């Protein structure tokens, strides 16, 4: 649900030399304005060149009313050069009629959206584009981290362009120990645009450690709790 972060054609271009994990399970605590809201559980599996990446957000505690059902994201695709999504889905267990699907046609450079029985097609799919979920984990398939990059991000209902700059993110304490990080921050053009920051740990194959999204006075944050990564 928070996955609105990064990737760039430059990052993807070099990622053919980075194999990335074959299996992964990552758990984050989820906070809203500093109050714990629930957890996010992300799972990745790869079979040959095909991958399935899922994310399950489960709310709990006093803020559960904000997300009464689980939010399920799923990215499926291939890995010729990093992650190349072919389909993305956004679903809510409490609102099955709001299932949103985006299918990426790389030959035609189009995206076909399906939502509430309606279908529409959008042109202009660019090399290196990621979906709302795959964008976060594409870092783990890259041999290096670019200092400045732009990326096209496909959600279940739209297409957005983002520009990020890298800086030293410092050391972040986690249940897995302190991790030195690099920080990526979205460069915004307007005061009301969504502010996005992500921290990755280079020593752990660019594992995402923390993600923060702020908009309209609300800050949503993911903080790493557990990670199991197999090569």
Protein backbone atom coordinates (compact mmCIF):
# COMPACT_ATOMS: atom_id res chain seq x y z
CA UNK A 1 0.00 0.00 0.00
CA UNK A 2 2.87 2.32 0.63
CA UNK A 3 4.83 1.16 -2.23
CA UNK A 4 5.23 4.45 -4.14
CA UNK A 5 8.96 4.71 -4.26
CA UNK A 6 11.61 4.37 -6.94
CA UNK A 7 13.58 3.02 -9.80
CA UNK A 8 15.20 4.27 -12.87
CA UNK A 9 16.22 3.22 -16.33
CA UNK A 10 19.84 3.64 -15.25
CA UNK A 11 19.26 1.34 -12.30
CA UNK A 12 17.56 -1.25 -14.45
CA UNK A 13 20.16 -1.09 -17.21
CA UNK A 14 22.88 -2.40 -14.92
CA UNK A 15 20.76 -4.87 -13.02
CA UNK A 16 21.34 -7.73 -15.49
CA UNK A 17 24.55 -8.47 -13.58
CA UNK A 18 22.79 -8.64 -10.19
CA UNK A 19 20.91 -11.90 -9.70
CA UNK A 20 18.86 -10.74 -6.74
CA UNK A 21 17.12 -13.08 -4.30
CA UNK A 22 15.13 -16.16 -5.31
CA UNK A 23 12.94 -16.12 -2.23
CA UNK A 24 12.16 -13.51 0.38
CA UNK A 25 9.84 -12.78 3.30
CA UNK A 26 9.96 -9.28 4.82
CA UNK A 27 7.85 -7.89 7.67
CA UNK A 28 7.38 -4.21 8.52
CA UNK A 29 5.55 -2.51 11.36
CA UNK A 30 3.16 0.10 9.96
CA UNK A 31 2.64 3.50 11.61
CA UNK A 32 0.25 6.40 11.02
CA UNK A 33 1.44 9.71 12.46
CA UNK A 34 3.69 7.80 14.86
CA UNK A 35 0.99 5.42 16.14
CA UNK A 36 1.30 1.75 15.24
CA UNK A 37 -1.42 0.76 12.80
CA UNK A 38 -0.53 -2.84 11.94
CA UNK A 39 1.95 -4.80 9.83
CA UNK A 40 2.94 -5.25 6.21
CA UNK A 41 4.13 -8.70 5.09
CA UNK A 42 5.88 -8.88 1.71
CA UNK A 43 6.72 -12.19 0.01
CA UNK A 44 8.81 -12.77 -3.11
CA UNK A 45 9.39 -16.00 -5.05
CA UNK A 46 11.18 -16.55 -8.34
CA UNK A 47 11.00 -19.61 -10.57
CA UNK A 48 13.41 -19.36 -13.48
CA UNK A 49 12.82 -15.92 -14.97
CA UNK A 50 9.31 -15.50 -13.58
CA UNK A 51 8.51 -13.90 -10.25
CA UNK A 52 5.55 -13.34 -7.93
CA UNK A 53 5.72 -10.53 -5.38
CA UNK A 54 2.88 -10.02 -2.88
CA UNK A 55 2.22 -7.56 -0.06
CA UNK A 56 -0.40 -7.99 2.65
CA UNK A 57 -1.29 -5.08 4.95
CA UNK A 58 -3.14 -5.99 8.12
CA UNK A 59 -4.38 -3.28 10.48
CA UNK A 60 -4.75 -3.85 14.22
CA UNK A 61 -5.23 -1.88 17.40
CA UNK A 62 -7.11 1.42 17.88
CA UNK A 63 -6.65 2.58 14.27
CA UNK A 64 -8.02 -0.59 12.69
CA UNK A 65 -11.18 1.30 11.68
CA UNK A 66 -9.08 3.16 9.09
CA UNK A 67 -8.37 -0.13 7.27
CA UNK A 68 -11.10 -2.58 8.32
CA UNK A 69 -9.98 -5.14 5.73
CA UNK A 70 -6.63 -6.42 4.53
CA UNK A 71 -4.99 -4.73 1.55
CA UNK A 72 -3.40 -7.14 -0.91
CA UNK A 73 -0.97 -6.07 -3.63
CA UNK A 74 0.43 -8.48 -6.21
CA UNK A 75 3.08 -7.97 -8.87
CA UNK A 76 3.86 -10.71 -11.39
CA UNK A 77 6.40 -10.57 -14.18
CA UNK A 78 9.81 -11.62 -15.43
CA UNK A 79 13.41 -10.86 -14.51
CA UNK A 80 15.51 -10.38 -17.67
CA UNK A 81 16.91 -7.13 -16.22
CA UNK A 82 15.79 -6.73 -12.66
CA UNK A 83 12.04 -6.90 -12.13
CA UNK A 84 9.87 -6.33 -15.19
CA UNK A 85 6.20 -6.40 -14.15
CA UNK A 86 3.58 -7.82 -16.49
CA UNK A 87 0.57 -7.40 -14.19
CA UNK A 88 -0.23 -5.53 -10.99
CA UNK A 89 -3.29 -5.93 -8.77
CA UNK A 90 -4.62 -3.94 -5.81
CA UNK A 91 -7.36 -5.62 -3.74
CA UNK A 92 -9.18 -5.02 -0.44
CA UNK A 93 -10.79 -7.89 1.45
CA UNK A 94 -13.61 -5.63 2.68
CA UNK A 95 -14.38 -4.28 -0.82
CA UNK A 96 -13.96 -7.01 -3.47
CA UNK A 97 -15.74 -4.81 -6.03
CA UNK A 98 -12.77 -2.41 -5.89
CA UNK A 99 -10.25 -4.86 -7.35
CA UNK A 100 -7.95 -2.85 -9.64
CA UNK A 101 -5.76 -4.53 -12.27
CA UNK A 102 -3.09 -3.10 -14.56
CA UNK A 103 -1.62 -5.22 -17.38
CA UNK A 104 1.63 -4.05 -18.94
CA UNK A 105 2.23 -4.78 -22.63
CA UNK A 106 5.91 -4.09 -23.27
CA UNK A 107 5.70 -4.77 -27.02
CA UNK A 108 2.86 -2.31 -27.56
CA UNK A 109 4.10 0.05 -24.82
CA UNK A 110 0.61 0.18 -23.31
CA UNK A 111 -1.07 -0.39 -19.94
CA UNK A 112 -4.59 -1.82 -19.77
CA UNK A 113 -6.55 -0.94 -16.62
CA UNK A 114 -9.61 -2.79 -15.29
CA UNK A 115 -11.68 -1.37 -12.43
CA UNK A 116 -15.35 -1.83 -11.51
CA UNK A 117 -16.18 -3.44 -14.85
CA UNK A 118 -14.55 -0.71 -16.93
CA UNK A 119 -11.48 -1.17 -19.14
CA UNK A 120 -9.21 1.55 -20.51
CA UNK A 121 -5.84 1.56 -22.23
CA UNK A 122 -2.99 4.06 -21.75
CA UNK A 123 -0.05 4.51 -24.10
CA UNK A 124 3.48 5.57 -23.20
CA UNK A 125 4.93 2.72 -21.13
CA UNK A 126 8.67 3.42 -20.76
CA UNK A 127 11.72 1.19 -20.31
CA UNK A 128 12.46 0.67 -16.63
CA UNK A 129 8.87 1.30 -15.50
CA UNK A 130 7.84 -0.44 -12.28
CA UNK A 131 4.55 -1.04 -10.55
CA UNK A 132 3.51 0.21 -7.13
CA UNK A 133 5.01 -2.85 -5.40
CA UNK A 134 7.95 -3.95 -7.56
CA UNK A 135 9.54 -0.48 -7.45
CA UNK A 136 10.65 -1.01 -3.85
CA UNK A 137 12.40 -4.36 -4.36
CA UNK A 138 13.99 -3.56 -7.71
CA UNK A 139 16.88 -2.14 -5.64
CA UNK A 140 17.83 -5.67 -4.64
CA UNK A 141 18.51 -6.59 -8.26
CA UNK A 142 20.83 -3.66 -8.93
CA UNK A 143 24.66 -3.81 -8.74
CA UNK A 144 24.77 -0.18 -7.62
CA UNK A 145 22.59 2.72 -6.53
CA UNK A 146 22.21 5.81 -8.76
CA UNK A 147 22.55 9.26 -7.23
CA UNK A 148 19.79 10.85 -9.30
CA UNK A 149 17.02 9.13 -11.20
CA UNK A 150 13.47 9.19 -12.48
CA UNK A 151 11.00 6.34 -12.76
CA UNK A 152 7.55 5.63 -14.14
CA UNK A 153 5.32 3.89 -11.57
CA UNK A 154 2.17 1.96 -12.50
CA UNK A 155 -0.58 1.64 -9.89
CA UNK A 156 -3.87 -0.22 -10.24
CA UNK A 157 -5.56 2.86 -11.66
CA UNK A 158 -2.92 5.28 -12.93
CA UNK A 159 0.60 6.10 -14.07
CA UNK A 160 2.96 8.51 -12.29
CA UNK A 161 6.44 9.92 -12.85
CA UNK A 162 8.80 10.36 -9.89
CA UNK A 163 12.23 11.95 -9.50
CA UNK A 164 14.53 10.99 -6.59
CA UNK A 165 17.86 12.10 -5.17
CA UNK A 166 20.16 9.93 -3.04
CA UNK A 167 21.94 10.97 0.18
CA UNK A 168 23.47 9.33 3.25
CA UNK A 169 20.61 7.97 5.34
CA UNK A 170 22.71 7.30 8.46
CA UNK A 171 22.36 4.28 10.72
CA UNK A 172 18.87 2.98 11.49
CA UNK A 173 18.20 0.73 14.48
CA UNK A 174 16.08 -2.34 13.70
CA UNK A 175 15.29 -5.62 15.49
CA UNK A 176 17.93 -7.11 13.15
CA UNK A 177 20.55 -4.64 14.43
CA UNK A 178 21.74 -1.22 13.32
CA UNK A 179 21.97 -0.80 9.53
CA UNK A 180 23.89 1.81 7.55
CA UNK A 181 21.54 3.20 4.89
CA UNK A 182 21.30 5.29 1.79
CA UNK A 183 18.28 7.58 1.63
CA UNK A 184 16.22 8.37 -1.45
CA UNK A 185 13.95 11.40 -1.32
CA UNK A 186 11.39 12.44 -3.90
CA UNK A 187 11.99 15.85 -5.46
CA UNK A 188 8.61 17.58 -5.52
CA UNK A 189 7.55 20.56 -7.63
CA UNK A 190 4.45 21.64 -5.69
CA UNK A 191 3.82 22.00 -1.93
CA UNK A 192 0.80 19.64 -2.01
CA UNK A 193 2.66 16.78 -3.74
CA UNK A 194 3.24 13.52 -1.91
CA UNK A 195 6.54 13.47 0.00
CA UNK A 196 8.28 10.08 -0.27
CA UNK A 197 11.48 8.86 1.38
CA UNK A 198 12.97 5.36 1.38
CA UNK A 199 16.03 4.00 3.16
CA UNK A 200 17.91 0.94 1.82
CA UNK A 201 20.80 -1.01 3.37
CA UNK A 202 23.64 -1.55 0.83
CA UNK A 203 25.38 -4.11 3.07
CA UNK A 204 22.21 -6.24 2.94
CA UNK A 205 21.80 -6.20 -0.83
CA UNK A 206 19.81 -2.93 -0.76
CA UNK A 207 17.09 -4.33 1.46
CA UNK A 208 14.44 -1.64 2.10
CA UNK A 209 14.71 -0.74 5.81
CA UNK A 210 12.23 2.11 6.14
CA UNK A 211 9.67 3.87 3.96
CA UNK A 212 7.87 7.14 4.70
CA UNK A 213 5.02 8.78 2.77
CA UNK A 214 3.50 12.13 3.84
CA UNK A 215 0.47 13.84 2.32
CA UNK A 216 -2.29 16.15 3.59
CA UNK A 217 -0.92 16.16 7.15
CA UNK A 218 -0.77 12.36 7.40
CA UNK A 219 2.51 10.42 7.56
CA UNK A 220 2.51 6.67 6.91
CA UNK A 221 5.70 4.80 7.74
CA UNK A 222 6.98 1.24 7.37
CA UNK A 223 9.79 0.07 9.67
CA UNK A 224 11.64 -3.21 9.15
CA UNK A 225 10.96 -5.90 11.75
CA UNK A 226 12.05 -9.22 10.19
CA UNK A 227 13.63 -10.37 6.93
CA UNK A 228 14.43 -13.77 5.46
CA UNK A 229 16.25 -13.56 2.13
CA UNK A 230 17.56 -16.50 0.08
CA UNK A 231 19.78 -16.19 -2.97
